[in-house]
Amino acid sequence: MNIQENISLKHYNTFGIDVKARFFVEITGLAQLQKILELEAYPNRFVISGGSNMLLTKDINALVMHINLKGISIVDEDEDTVEIKVMAGENWHELVLWTLDHGYGGLENLSLIPGNTGTAPIQNIGAYGVELKDVFASCVAMEVDTGELVTFDHESCNFGYRDSIFKGEAKNKYIITSVNLKLTKKNHTLNTGYGAIEGELKKVGIVYPTIRNISDAVIAIRQSKLPDPEELGNSGSFFKNPVISKKAFEKLKKAHPNVPSYQMDDNQVKIPAGWLIEQCGFKGKRKGDAGVHEKQALVLVNYGNATGKEIVELAEEIQEEVAQKFGVTLQPEVNIIR
């Protein structure tokens, strides 16, 4: 196994933050991963995959393990559905395109989300009315202390809004190696409820959309307002959309009649974080190379040489302003490595 020293992680995180790994190894097989975990010479370890949901603020004084396990296979199917096994290192958007090429439905609304498949359950990624949990069957993870493979079914993952067991009690205890997804082969459930998708389909004259049409619409929407990490360092949505009680929302709406919202259930309301941030004047704001995207206030960006600390400082300023103006607490969606 090729363990390297003092390797820059600039190209291993979508923010493009230039910090160094004290040690670095590329993981391409399960047996290799087990052997690495057995090495007593590297007691401190740090896992990185697509690097799309993290903000690095310092050098990593540990063995950084880049999970690059590859492969997609069908494990079960019938006339209506198919279950696929996807290795953790597969790029998420490339996976979505693969499912569309095979006529499988379920992931189209999740098109163009950055990152790799192995981190998708951790975050319970979601967009345009769909979350990973809607198609999730199970995942396999390697226990860090023992090297044993453990299967987590849907229930045991404790999925929540951008949340799972892997962000809670199982954090840092497991490394996800593969994910099983259950998709449709026909009679697809089309999720076009978000106005932006309906508007995009209408713009191109599509009345009866296919799963490919929905994916194309989502891609067009995302490209119109979200920067490409290859061109401008970012991690997508930096903050979660806050969910508040109906009582708190009524109070908020009384003070700010134009506040947009989405009814979650009888007792909870979701507020778009981007709107809150924009109302505080941060859209397009820049401090050195750390900034807020000019088209989407929910996205913090690295214009070139920003440090992780500089982006954190900007994020904290945003949190303070939003809390002061609206009485709403913004929680980072991005995993900040301090």
C-alpha atoms as a PDB file:
ATOM      1  CA  MET A   1       0.000   0.000   0.000  1.00  0.00           C
ATOM      2  CA  ASN A   2       1.263   3.437  -0.929  1.00  0.00           C
ATOM      3  CA  ILE A   3       1.085   5.748   2.089  1.00  0.00           C
ATOM      4  CA  GLN A   4       2.267   9.228   1.143  1.00  0.00           C
ATOM      5  CA  GLU A   5       3.339  12.119   3.377  1.00  0.00           C
ATOM      6  CA  ASN A   6       2.437  15.824   3.438  1.00  0.00           C
ATOM      7  CA  ILE A   7      -0.084  15.711   0.589  1.00  0.00           C
ATOM      8  CA  SER A   8      -2.195  18.757  -0.324  1.00  0.00           C
ATOM      9  CA  LEU A   9      -5.939  18.145  -0.067  1.00  0.00           C
ATOM     10  CA  LYS A  10      -6.827  21.097  -2.325  1.00  0.00           C
ATOM     11  CA  HIS A  11      -8.091  18.780  -5.071  1.00  0.00           C
ATOM     12  CA  TYR A  12      -9.847  16.436  -2.649  1.00  0.00           C
ATOM     13  CA  ASN A  13     -12.397  18.949  -1.331  1.00  0.00           C
ATOM     14  CA  THR A  14     -14.850  20.924  -3.443  1.00  0.00           C
ATOM     15  CA  PHE A  15     -14.171  24.149  -1.525  1.00  0.00           C
ATOM     16  CA  GLY A  16     -10.615  23.926  -2.859  1.00  0.00           C
ATOM     17  CA  ILE A  17      -9.094  24.644   0.558  1.00  0.00           C
ATOM     18  CA  ASP A  18      -5.339  24.092   0.472  1.00  0.00           C
ATOM     19  CA  VAL A  19      -4.514  22.179   3.640  1.00  0.00           C
ATOM     20  CA  LYS A  20      -2.138  19.248   3.992  1.00  0.00           C
ATOM     21  CA  ALA A  21      -2.604  15.657   5.103  1.00  0.00           C
ATOM     22  CA  ARG A  22       0.239  14.410   7.321  1.00  0.00           C
ATOM     23  CA  PHE A  23      -0.263  10.984   5.717  1.00  0.00           C
ATOM     24  CA  PHE A  24      -2.454  10.006   2.758  1.00  0.00           C
ATOM     25  CA  VAL A  25      -3.607   6.735   1.201  1.00  0.00           C
ATOM     26  CA  GLU A  26      -5.985   5.888  -1.646  1.00  0.00           C
ATOM     27  CA  ILE A  27      -8.445   3.094  -0.751  1.00  0.00           C
ATOM     28  CA  THR A  28      -9.540   0.996  -3.734  1.00  0.00           C
ATOM     29  CA  GLY A  29     -10.488  -2.317  -2.094  1.00  0.00           C
ATOM     30  CA  LEU A  30     -12.161  -3.661   1.045  1.00  0.00           C
ATOM     31  CA  ALA A  31      -9.227  -5.874   2.019  1.00  0.00           C
ATOM     32  CA  GLN A  32      -6.904  -2.881   1.692  1.00  0.00           C
ATOM     33  CA  LEU A  33      -9.200  -0.817   3.931  1.00  0.00           C
ATOM     34  CA  GLN A  34      -9.188  -3.560   6.586  1.00  0.00           C
ATOM     35  CA  LYS A  35      -5.388  -3.730   6.529  1.00  0.00           C
ATOM     36  CA  ILE A  36      -5.095   0.040   6.867  1.00  0.00           C
ATOM     37  CA  LEU A  37      -7.404   0.007   9.897  1.00  0.00           C
ATOM     38  CA  GLU A  38      -5.189  -2.637  11.513  1.00  0.00           C
ATOM     39  CA  LEU A  39      -2.038  -0.506  11.274  1.00  0.00           C
ATOM     40  CA  GLU A  40      -1.037   0.597  14.755  1.00  0.00           C
ATOM     41  CA  ALA A  41       1.443   3.130  13.360  1.00  0.00           C
ATOM     42  CA  TYR A  42      -1.451   5.417  12.335  1.00  0.00           C
ATOM     43  CA  PRO A  43      -3.802   5.719  15.318  1.00  0.00           C
ATOM     44  CA  ASN A  44      -5.287   8.977  13.997  1.00  0.00           C
ATOM     45  CA  ARG A  45      -7.352   8.570  10.834  1.00  0.00           C
ATOM     46  CA  PHE A  46      -9.507  10.836   8.728  1.00  0.00           C
ATOM     47  CA  VAL A  47     -11.906   9.702   5.993  1.00  0.00           C
ATOM     48  CA  ILE A  48     -12.494  11.684   2.825  1.00  0.00           C
ATOM     49  CA  SER A  49     -14.534  10.705  -0.228  1.00  0.00           C
ATOM     50  CA  GLY A  50     -15.856  13.256  -2.717  1.00  0.00           C
ATOM     51  CA  GLY A  51     -14.996  16.074  -0.328  1.00  0.00           C
ATOM     52  CA  SER A  52     -18.250  17.820  -1.190  1.00  0.00           C
ATOM     53  CA  ASN A  53     -19.775  18.363   2.217  1.00  0.00           C
ATOM     54  CA  MET A  54     -16.871  19.518   4.299  1.00  0.00           C
ATOM     55  CA  LEU A  55     -14.948  22.651   5.100  1.00  0.00           C
ATOM     56  CA  LEU A  56     -11.341  22.061   6.108  1.00  0.00           C
ATOM     57  CA  THR A  57      -9.948  24.739   8.425  1.00  0.00           C
ATOM     58  CA  LYS A  58      -6.534  23.262   9.258  1.00  0.00           C
ATOM     59  CA  ASP A  59      -3.948  20.680   8.237  1.00  0.00           C
ATOM     60  CA  ILE A  60      -5.023  17.122   9.024  1.00  0.00           C
ATOM     61  CA  ASN A  61      -2.478  15.558  11.391  1.00  0.00           C
ATOM     62  CA  ALA A  62      -3.654  12.030  10.654  1.00  0.00           C
ATOM     63  CA  LEU A  63      -3.737   9.321   8.018  1.00  0.00           C
ATOM     64  CA  VAL A  64      -6.227  10.626   5.461  1.00  0.00           C
ATOM     65  CA  MET A  65      -7.993   7.699   3.782  1.00  0.00           C
ATOM     66  CA  HIS A  66      -9.490   8.617   0.401  1.00  0.00           C
ATOM     67  CA  ILE A  67     -12.342   6.152  -0.188  1.00  0.00           C
ATOM     68  CA  ASN A  68     -12.266   5.345  -3.895  1.00  0.00           C
ATOM     69  CA  LEU A  69     -14.196   2.049  -4.072  1.00  0.00           C
ATOM     70  CA  LYS A  70     -15.816   1.604  -7.501  1.00  0.00           C
ATOM     71  CA  GLY A  71     -18.598  -0.487  -9.040  1.00  0.00           C
ATOM     72  CA  ILE A  72     -22.336  -0.614  -9.750  1.00  0.00           C
ATOM     73  CA  SER A  73     -24.256  -3.892  -9.871  1.00  0.00           C
ATOM     74  CA  ILE A  74     -27.833  -5.193  -9.845  1.00  0.00           C
ATOM     75  CA  VAL A  75     -28.575  -7.325  -6.795  1.00  0.00           C
ATOM     76  CA  ASP A  76     -32.302  -7.928  -7.247  1.00  0.00           C
ATOM     77  CA  GLU A  77     -35.085  -7.034  -9.662  1.00  0.00           C
ATOM     78  CA  ASP A  78     -38.589  -7.893 -10.779  1.00  0.00           C
ATOM     79  CA  GLU A  79     -40.890  -6.487 -13.440  1.00  0.00           C
ATOM     80  CA  ASP A  80     -41.447  -3.216 -11.593  1.00  0.00           C
ATOM     81  CA  THR A  81     -38.380  -2.507  -9.477  1.00  0.00           C
ATOM     82  CA  VAL A  82     -34.633  -2.985  -9.343  1.00  0.00           C
ATOM     83  CA  GLU A  83     -32.203  -2.896  -6.431  1.00  0.00           C
ATOM     84  CA  ILE A  84     -28.689  -1.772  -7.221  1.00  0.00           C
ATOM     85  CA  LYS A  85     -25.501  -1.892  -5.178  1.00  0.00           C
ATOM     86  CA  VAL A  86     -23.254   1.130  -5.580  1.00  0.00           C
ATOM     87  CA  MET A  87     -19.738   1.262  -4.180  1.00  0.00           C
ATOM     88  CA  ALA A  88     -18.916   4.268  -2.019  1.00  0.00           C
ATOM     89  CA  GLY A  89     -16.440   5.905  -4.397  1.00  0.00           C
ATOM     90  CA  GLU A  90     -18.853   6.234  -7.311  1.00  0.00           C
ATOM     91  CA  ASN A  91     -19.576   9.854  -8.226  1.00  0.00           C
ATOM     92  CA  TRP A  92     -23.177  10.640  -7.332  1.00  0.00           C
ATOM     93  CA  HIS A  93     -24.198  12.522 -10.463  1.00  0.00           C
ATOM     94  CA  GLU A  94     -22.571   9.932 -12.719  1.00  0.00           C
ATOM     95  CA  LEU A  95     -24.643   7.330 -10.855  1.00  0.00           C
ATOM     96  CA  VAL A  96     -27.821   9.327 -11.532  1.00  0.00           C
ATOM     97  CA  LEU A  97     -26.962   9.451 -15.239  1.00  0.00           C
ATOM     98  CA  TRP A  98     -26.296   5.678 -15.195  1.00  0.00           C
ATOM     99  CA  THR A  99     -29.756   5.013 -13.738  1.00  0.00           C
ATOM    100  CA  LEU A 100     -31.383   7.228 -16.378  1.00  0.00           C
ATOM    101  CA  ASP A 101     -29.510   5.409 -19.150  1.00  0.00           C
ATOM    102  CA  HIS A 102     -31.016   2.168 -17.825  1.00  0.00           C
ATOM    103  CA  GLY A 103     -34.515   3.634 -17.464  1.00  0.00           C
ATOM    104  CA  TYR A 104     -34.514   3.420 -13.669  1.00  0.00           C
ATOM    105  CA  GLY A 105     -36.507   6.065 -11.805  1.00  0.00           C
ATOM    106  CA  GLY A 106     -36.038   7.581  -8.373  1.00  0.00           C
ATOM    107  CA  LEU A 107     -32.850   9.641  -8.521  1.00  0.00           C
ATOM    108  CA  GLU A 108     -33.750  12.172 -11.219  1.00  0.00           C
ATOM    109  CA  ASN A 109     -34.559  14.977  -8.750  1.00  0.00           C
ATOM    110  CA  LEU A 110     -31.152  14.438  -7.137  1.00  0.00           C
ATOM    111  CA  SER A 111     -29.224  15.229 -10.318  1.00  0.00           C
ATOM    112  CA  LEU A 112     -26.027  17.279 -10.165  1.00  0.00           C
ATOM    113  CA  ILE A 113     -25.578  16.993  -6.400  1.00  0.00           C
ATOM    114  CA  PRO A 114     -21.802  17.015  -5.853  1.00  0.00           C
ATOM    115  CA  GLY A 115     -19.982  14.257  -4.011  1.00  0.00           C
ATOM    116  CA  ASN A 116     -19.743  10.486  -3.955  1.00  0.00           C
ATOM    117  CA  THR A 117     -22.327   7.821  -3.154  1.00  0.00           C
ATOM    118  CA  GLY A 118     -20.797   6.667   0.134  1.00  0.00           C
ATOM    119  CA  THR A 119     -21.465   9.995   1.826  1.00  0.00           C
ATOM    120  CA  ALA A 120     -25.056  10.290   0.561  1.00  0.00           C
ATOM    121  CA  PRO A 121     -26.637   8.377   3.495  1.00  0.00           C
ATOM    122  CA  ILE A 122     -24.644  10.344   6.080  1.00  0.00           C
ATOM    123  CA  GLN A 123     -26.257  13.573   4.954  1.00  0.00           C
ATOM    124  CA  ASN A 124     -29.508  12.038   3.691  1.00  0.00           C
ATOM    125  CA  ILE A 125     -28.962  14.211   0.629  1.00  0.00           C
ATOM    126  CA  GLY A 126     -32.039  15.784  -0.880  1.00  0.00           C
ATOM    127  CA  ALA A 127     -33.305  18.266  -3.449  1.00  0.00           C
ATOM    128  CA  TYR A 128     -36.558  19.329  -5.095  1.00  0.00           C
ATOM    129  CA  GLY A 129     -38.870  17.267  -2.912  1.00  0.00           C
ATOM    130  CA  VAL A 130     -36.834  14.035  -2.864  1.00  0.00           C
ATOM    131  CA  GLU A 131     -34.397  12.665  -0.276  1.00  0.00           C
ATOM    132  CA  LEU A 132     -32.061   9.699  -0.374  1.00  0.00           C
ATOM    133  CA  LYS A 133     -34.187   7.901   2.218  1.00  0.00           C
ATOM    134  CA  ASP A 134     -36.986   7.685  -0.375  1.00  0.00           C
ATOM    135  CA  VAL A 135     -34.968   5.182  -2.440  1.00  0.00           C
ATOM    136  CA  PHE A 136     -32.595   3.815   0.200  1.00  0.00           C
ATOM    137  CA  ALA A 137     -32.648   0.060   0.834  1.00  0.00           C
ATOM    138  CA  SER A 138     -29.516  -0.495   2.921  1.00  0.00           C
ATOM    139  CA  CYS A 139     -25.830   0.235   3.176  1.00  0.00           C
ATOM    140  CA  VAL A 140     -22.750  -1.684   4.251  1.00  0.00           C
ATOM    141  CA  ALA A 141     -20.178  -0.027   6.479  1.00  0.00           C
ATOM    142  CA  MET A 142     -16.882  -1.157   7.932  1.00  0.00           C
ATOM    143  CA  GLU A 143     -16.544  -0.770  11.680  1.00  0.00           C
ATOM    144  CA  VAL A 144     -13.367   1.208  12.326  1.00  0.00           C
ATOM    145  CA  ASP A 145     -12.390  -0.603  15.543  1.00  0.00           C
ATOM    146  CA  THR A 146     -12.880  -4.154  14.281  1.00  0.00           C
ATOM    147  CA  GLY A 147     -12.723  -4.029  10.461  1.00  0.00           C
ATOM    148  CA  GLU A 148     -16.008  -5.952  10.340  1.00  0.00           C
ATOM    149  CA  LEU A 149     -18.651  -5.205   7.727  1.00  0.00           C
ATOM    150  CA  VAL A 150     -22.047  -4.228   9.155  1.00  0.00           C
ATOM    151  CA  THR A 151     -25.314  -3.818   7.229  1.00  0.00           C
ATOM    152  CA  PHE A 152     -27.600  -0.912   8.096  1.00  0.00           C
ATOM    153  CA  ASP A 153     -31.194  -1.177   6.881  1.00  0.00           C
ATOM    154  CA  HIS A 154     -33.475   1.791   6.337  1.00  0.00           C
ATOM    155  CA  GLU A 155     -34.822   1.871   9.877  1.00  0.00           C
ATOM    156  CA  SER A 156     -31.461   1.599  11.609  1.00  0.00           C
ATOM    157  CA  CYS A 157     -30.112   4.642   9.730  1.00  0.00           C
ATOM    158  CA  ASN A 158     -32.452   6.982  11.655  1.00  0.00           C
ATOM    159  CA  PHE A 159     -32.848   9.324   8.707  1.00  0.00           C
ATOM    160  CA  GLY A 160     -33.916  12.899   9.353  1.00  0.00           C
ATOM    161  CA  TYR A 161     -33.707  16.195   7.502  1.00  0.00           C
ATOM    162  CA  ARG A 162     -30.063  16.184   6.299  1.00  0.00           C
ATOM    163  CA  ASP A 163     -29.360  13.797   9.115  1.00  0.00           C
ATOM    164  CA  SER A 164     -28.705  10.137   9.918  1.00  0.00           C
ATOM    165  CA  ILE A 165     -27.198   7.856  12.539  1.00  0.00           C
ATOM    166  CA  PHE A 166     -23.821   8.475  10.871  1.00  0.00           C
ATOM    167  CA  LYS A 167     -23.916  12.102  12.005  1.00  0.00           C
ATOM    168  CA  GLY A 168     -24.959  11.065  15.511  1.00  0.00           C
ATOM    169  CA  GLU A 169     -24.204   8.007  17.606  1.00  0.00           C
ATOM    170  CA  ALA A 170     -22.343   6.220  14.782  1.00  0.00           C
ATOM    171  CA  LYS A 171     -20.204   9.219  13.799  1.00  0.00           C
ATOM    172  CA  ASN A 172     -16.567   8.274  13.109  1.00  0.00           C
ATOM    173  CA  LYS A 173     -17.292   4.658  14.091  1.00  0.00           C
ATOM    174  CA  TYR A 174     -18.038   3.346  10.577  1.00  0.00           C
ATOM    175  CA  ILE A 175     -16.866   3.847   7.005  1.00  0.00           C
ATOM    176  CA  ILE A 176     -19.625   3.301   4.446  1.00  0.00           C
ATOM    177  CA  THR A 177     -18.371   1.014   1.678  1.00  0.00           C
ATOM    178  CA  SER A 178     -21.500   0.521  -0.454  1.00  0.00           C
ATOM    179  CA  VAL A 179     -25.114   1.655  -0.731  1.00  0.00           C
ATOM    180  CA  ASN A 180     -28.139  -0.292  -2.014  1.00  0.00           C
ATOM    181  CA  LEU A 181     -30.917   1.693  -3.691  1.00  0.00           C
ATOM    182  CA  LYS A 182     -34.362   0.485  -4.775  1.00  0.00           C
ATOM    183  CA  LEU A 183     -35.535   2.117  -7.993  1.00  0.00           C
ATOM    184  CA  THR A 184     -38.493   1.785 -10.339  1.00  0.00           C
ATOM    185  CA  LYS A 185     -38.364   0.264 -13.822  1.00  0.00           C
ATOM    186  CA  LYS A 186     -41.787   1.502 -14.904  1.00  0.00           C
ATOM    187  CA  ASN A 187     -44.750   3.478 -13.553  1.00  0.00           C
ATOM    188  CA  HIS A 188     -42.278   5.960 -12.105  1.00  0.00           C
ATOM    189  CA  THR A 189     -43.418   8.392  -9.418  1.00  0.00           C
ATOM    190  CA  LEU A 190     -42.649  11.785 -10.900  1.00  0.00           C
ATOM    191  CA  ASN A 191     -41.891  14.542  -8.404  1.00  0.00           C
ATOM    192  CA  THR A 192     -42.603  17.825 -10.156  1.00  0.00           C
ATOM    193  CA  GLY A 193     -44.208  19.599  -7.205  1.00  0.00           C
ATOM    194  CA  TYR A 194     -41.465  22.163  -6.794  1.00  0.00           C
ATOM    195  CA  GLY A 195     -42.442  25.222  -8.803  1.00  0.00           C
ATOM    196  CA  ALA A 196     -38.987  25.607 -10.295  1.00  0.00           C
ATOM    197  CA  ILE A 197     -39.238  22.197 -11.982  1.00  0.00           C
ATOM    198  CA  GLU A 198     -42.727  22.887 -13.315  1.00  0.00           C
ATOM    199  CA  GLY A 199     -41.551  26.233 -14.636  1.00  0.00           C
ATOM    200  CA  GLU A 200     -38.520  24.754 -16.353  1.00  0.00           C
ATOM    201  CA  LEU A 201     -40.600  22.001 -17.998  1.00  0.00           C
ATOM    202  CA  LYS A 202     -43.146  24.558 -19.154  1.00  0.00           C
ATOM    203  CA  LYS A 203     -40.370  26.733 -20.577  1.00  0.00           C
ATOM    204  CA  VAL A 204     -39.264  23.917 -22.884  1.00  0.00           C
ATOM    205  CA  GLY A 205     -42.823  22.877 -23.725  1.00  0.00           C
ATOM    206  CA  ILE A 206     -42.927  19.524 -21.917  1.00  0.00           C
ATOM    207  CA  VAL A 207     -46.392  18.547 -20.662  1.00  0.00           C
ATOM    208  CA  TYR A 208     -45.841  14.845 -19.942  1.00  0.00           C
ATOM    209  CA  PRO A 209     -42.289  14.614 -18.577  1.00  0.00           C
ATOM    210  CA  THR A 210     -40.103  11.535 -18.430  1.00  0.00           C
ATOM    211  CA  ILE A 211     -37.573  10.893 -15.696  1.00  0.00           C
ATOM    212  CA  ARG A 212     -34.909  12.179 -18.112  1.00  0.00           C
ATOM    213  CA  ASN A 213     -36.896  15.388 -18.654  1.00  0.00           C
ATOM    214  CA  ILE A 214     -37.064  15.961 -14.899  1.00  0.00           C
ATOM    215  CA  SER A 215     -33.341  15.365 -14.546  1.00  0.00           C
ATOM    216  CA  ASP A 216     -32.626  17.802 -17.373  1.00  0.00           C
ATOM    217  CA  ALA A 217     -34.870  20.386 -15.696  1.00  0.00           C
ATOM    218  CA  VAL A 218     -33.107  19.965 -12.337  1.00  0.00           C
ATOM    219  CA  ILE A 219     -29.701  20.240 -14.015  1.00  0.00           C
ATOM    220  CA  ALA A 220     -30.750  23.418 -15.828  1.00  0.00           C
ATOM    221  CA  ILE A 221     -32.064  24.959 -12.588  1.00  0.00           C
ATOM    222  CA  ARG A 222     -28.968  24.074 -10.588  1.00  0.00           C
ATOM    223  CA  GLN A 223     -26.591  25.281 -13.292  1.00  0.00           C
ATOM    224  CA  SER A 224     -28.443  28.590 -13.508  1.00  0.00           C
ATOM    225  CA  LYS A 225     -27.877  29.459  -9.865  1.00  0.00           C
ATOM    226  CA  LEU A 226     -25.209  27.172  -8.393  1.00  0.00           C
ATOM    227  CA  PRO A 227     -21.501  27.492  -9.213  1.00  0.00           C
ATOM    228  CA  ASP A 228     -19.522  24.556 -10.577  1.00  0.00           C
ATOM    229  CA  PRO A 229     -16.993  23.519  -7.887  1.00  0.00           C
ATOM    230  CA  GLU A 230     -14.478  22.919 -10.673  1.00  0.00           C
ATOM    231  CA  GLU A 231     -14.632  26.635 -11.470  1.00  0.00           C
ATOM    232  CA  LEU A 232     -15.485  28.211  -8.116  1.00  0.00           C
ATOM    233  CA  GLY A 233     -14.816  26.415  -4.842  1.00  0.00           C
ATOM    234  CA  ASN A 234     -17.987  25.659  -2.884  1.00  0.00           C
ATOM    235  CA  SER A 235     -19.867  22.894  -1.104  1.00  0.00           C
ATOM    236  CA  GLY A 236     -23.375  23.597  -2.363  1.00  0.00           C
ATOM    237  CA  SER A 237     -25.831  24.683   0.310  1.00  0.00           C
ATOM    238  CA  PHE A 238     -23.802  25.796   3.320  1.00  0.00           C
ATOM    239  CA  PHE A 239     -26.744  26.000   5.738  1.00  0.00           C
ATOM    240  CA  LYS A 240     -29.783  23.830   6.349  1.00  0.00           C
ATOM    241  CA  ASN A 241     -33.170  25.379   5.693  1.00  0.00           C
ATOM    242  CA  PRO A 242     -34.392  26.045   9.245  1.00  0.00           C
ATOM    243  CA  VAL A 243     -37.510  24.213  10.432  1.00  0.00           C
ATOM    244  CA  ILE A 244     -39.495  26.103  13.073  1.00  0.00           C
ATOM    245  CA  SER A 245     -42.743  25.569  14.930  1.00  0.00           C
ATOM    246  CA  LYS A 246     -45.992  26.811  13.452  1.00  0.00           C
ATOM    247  CA  LYS A 247     -46.352  29.186  16.399  1.00  0.00           C
ATOM    248  CA  ALA A 248     -42.894  30.641  15.815  1.00  0.00           C
ATOM    249  CA  PHE A 249     -43.641  30.975  12.104  1.00  0.00           C
ATOM    250  CA  GLU A 250     -46.851  32.901  12.748  1.00  0.00           C
ATOM    251  CA  LYS A 251     -44.872  35.323  14.884  1.00  0.00           C
ATOM    252  CA  LEU A 252     -42.202  35.602  12.188  1.00  0.00           C
ATOM    253  CA  LYS A 253     -44.749  36.195   9.433  1.00  0.00           C
ATOM    254  CA  LYS A 254     -46.412  38.932  11.448  1.00  0.00           C
ATOM    255  CA  ALA A 255     -43.103  40.805  11.547  1.00  0.00           C
ATOM    256  CA  HIS A 256     -42.073  39.835   7.984  1.00  0.00           C
ATOM    257  CA  PRO A 257     -45.214  39.260   5.841  1.00  0.00           C
ATOM    258  CA  ASN A 258     -43.226  38.311   2.736  1.00  0.00           C
ATOM    259  CA  VAL A 259     -41.317  35.413   4.290  1.00  0.00           C
ATOM    260  CA  PRO A 260     -41.627  32.307   2.054  1.00  0.00           C
ATOM    261  CA  SER A 261     -42.316  28.945   3.662  1.00  0.00           C
ATOM    262  CA  TYR A 262     -43.028  25.253   3.132  1.00  0.00           C
ATOM    263  CA  GLN A 263     -45.453  23.427   5.423  1.00  0.00           C
ATOM    264  CA  MET A 264     -43.689  20.315   6.738  1.00  0.00           C
ATOM    265  CA  ASP A 265     -46.584  18.982   8.820  1.00  0.00           C
ATOM    266  CA  ASP A 266     -49.271  20.337  11.130  1.00  0.00           C
ATOM    267  CA  ASN A 267     -46.721  21.681  13.578  1.00  0.00           C
ATOM    268  CA  GLN A 268     -43.581  22.535  11.586  1.00  0.00           C
ATOM    269  CA  VAL A 269     -42.704  25.011   8.848  1.00  0.00           C
ATOM    270  CA  LYS A 270     -39.516  25.178   6.759  1.00  0.00           C
ATOM    271  CA  ILE A 271     -38.036  28.585   5.896  1.00  0.00           C
ATOM    272  CA  PRO A 272     -35.629  29.009   2.938  1.00  0.00           C
ATOM    273  CA  ALA A 273     -32.258  29.893   4.468  1.00  0.00           C
ATOM    274  CA  GLY A 274     -31.195  31.581   1.238  1.00  0.00           C
ATOM    275  CA  TRP A 275     -34.042  34.098   1.552  1.00  0.00           C
ATOM    276  CA  LEU A 276     -33.110  34.924   5.152  1.00  0.00           C
ATOM    277  CA  ILE A 277     -29.465  35.445   4.176  1.00  0.00           C
ATOM    278  CA  GLU A 278     -30.366  37.577   1.175  1.00  0.00           C
ATOM    279  CA  GLN A 279     -32.637  39.782   3.274  1.00  0.00           C
ATOM    280  CA  CYS A 280     -29.658  40.488   5.524  1.00  0.00           C
ATOM    281  CA  GLY A 281     -27.712  41.833   2.547  1.00  0.00           C
ATOM    282  CA  PHE A 282     -25.181  39.034   2.151  1.00  0.00           C
ATOM    283  CA  LYS A 283     -25.968  37.923  -1.394  1.00  0.00           C
ATOM    284  CA  GLY A 284     -22.872  38.584  -3.508  1.00  0.00           C
ATOM    285  CA  LYS A 285     -20.925  39.884  -0.490  1.00  0.00           C
ATOM    286  CA  ARG A 286     -17.218  39.178  -0.504  1.00  0.00           C
ATOM    287  CA  LYS A 287     -14.499  39.379   2.124  1.00  0.00           C
ATOM    288  CA  GLY A 288     -11.173  38.724   0.496  1.00  0.00           C
ATOM    289  CA  ASP A 289     -11.527  35.401  -1.301  1.00  0.00           C
ATOM    290  CA  ALA A 290     -14.377  34.207   0.932  1.00  0.00           C
ATOM    291  CA  GLY A 291     -17.815  35.164  -0.332  1.00  0.00           C
ATOM    292  CA  VAL A 292     -21.521  34.528  -0.759  1.00  0.00           C
ATOM    293  CA  HIS A 293     -22.520  33.543  -4.280  1.00  0.00           C
ATOM    294  CA  GLU A 294     -24.080  36.298  -6.347  1.00  0.00           C
ATOM    295  CA  LYS A 295     -26.905  34.091  -7.626  1.00  0.00           C
ATOM    296  CA  GLN A 296     -27.670  31.956  -4.558  1.00  0.00           C
ATOM    297  CA  ALA A 297     -27.166  33.325  -1.048  1.00  0.00           C
ATOM    298  CA  LEU A 298     -27.221  29.835   0.448  1.00  0.00           C
ATOM    299  CA  VAL A 299     -23.888  29.034  -1.206  1.00  0.00           C
ATOM    300  CA  LEU A 300     -20.602  30.228   0.307  1.00  0.00           C
ATOM    301  CA  VAL A 301     -17.685  30.260  -2.116  1.00  0.00           C
ATOM    302  CA  ASN A 302     -13.903  30.337  -2.302  1.00  0.00           C
ATOM    303  CA  TYR A 303     -12.814  32.792  -4.974  1.00  0.00           C
ATOM    304  CA  GLY A 304      -9.343  31.319  -5.048  1.00  0.00           C
ATOM    305  CA  ASN A 305      -7.214  31.395  -1.944  1.00  0.00           C
ATOM    306  CA  ALA A 306      -9.632  31.673   0.974  1.00  0.00           C
ATOM    307  CA  THR A 307      -8.784  29.693   4.070  1.00  0.00           C
ATOM    308  CA  GLY A 308     -11.319  27.522   5.829  1.00  0.00           C
ATOM    309  CA  LYS A 309     -11.185  29.865   8.829  1.00  0.00           C
ATOM    310  CA  GLU A 310     -12.096  32.854   6.646  1.00  0.00           C
ATOM    311  CA  ILE A 311     -15.154  31.044   5.299  1.00  0.00           C
ATOM    312  CA  VAL A 312     -16.153  30.029   8.843  1.00  0.00           C
ATOM    313  CA  GLU A 313     -15.878  33.653   9.978  1.00  0.00           C
ATOM    314  CA  LEU A 314     -18.175  34.731   7.141  1.00  0.00           C
ATOM    315  CA  ALA A 315     -20.627  31.950   8.000  1.00  0.00           C
ATOM    316  CA  GLU A 316     -20.682  33.002  11.650  1.00  0.00           C
ATOM    317  CA  GLU A 317     -21.337  36.612  10.665  1.00  0.00           C
ATOM    318  CA  ILE A 318     -24.293  35.433   8.576  1.00  0.00           C
ATOM    319  CA  GLN A 319     -25.645  33.376  11.484  1.00  0.00           C
ATOM    320  CA  GLU A 320     -25.439  36.353  13.832  1.00  0.00           C
ATOM    321  CA  GLU A 321     -27.209  38.720  11.412  1.00  0.00           C
ATOM    322  CA  VAL A 322     -30.009  36.243  10.631  1.00  0.00           C
ATOM    323  CA  ALA A 323     -30.561  35.518  14.326  1.00  0.00           C
ATOM    324  CA  GLN A 324     -30.667  39.224  15.143  1.00  0.00           C
ATOM    325  CA  LYS A 325     -33.026  40.170  12.290  1.00  0.00           C
ATOM    326  CA  PHE A 326     -35.353  37.156  12.265  1.00  0.00           C
ATOM    327  CA  GLY A 327     -34.791  35.310  15.534  1.00  0.00           C
ATOM    328  CA  VAL A 328     -33.981  32.182  13.513  1.00  0.00           C
ATOM    329  CA  THR A 329     -30.902  30.016  14.087  1.00  0.00           C
ATOM    330  CA  LEU A 330     -29.087  28.768  10.980  1.00  0.00           C
ATOM    331  CA  GLN A 331     -27.311  25.427  11.296  1.00  0.00           C
ATOM    332  CA  PRO A 332     -24.481  24.496   8.907  1.00  0.00           C
ATOM    333  CA  GLU A 333     -25.235  21.688   6.501  1.00  0.00           C
ATOM    334  CA  VAL A 334     -21.541  21.470   5.750  1.00  0.00           C
ATOM    335  CA  ASN A 335     -19.326  19.457   8.106  1.00  0.00           C
ATOM    336  CA  ILE A 336     -16.785  21.944   9.465  1.00  0.00           C
ATOM    337  CA  ILE A 337     -13.451  20.312  10.343  1.00  0.00           C
ATOM    338  CA  ARG A 338     -11.862  22.473  13.058  1.00  0.00           C
END
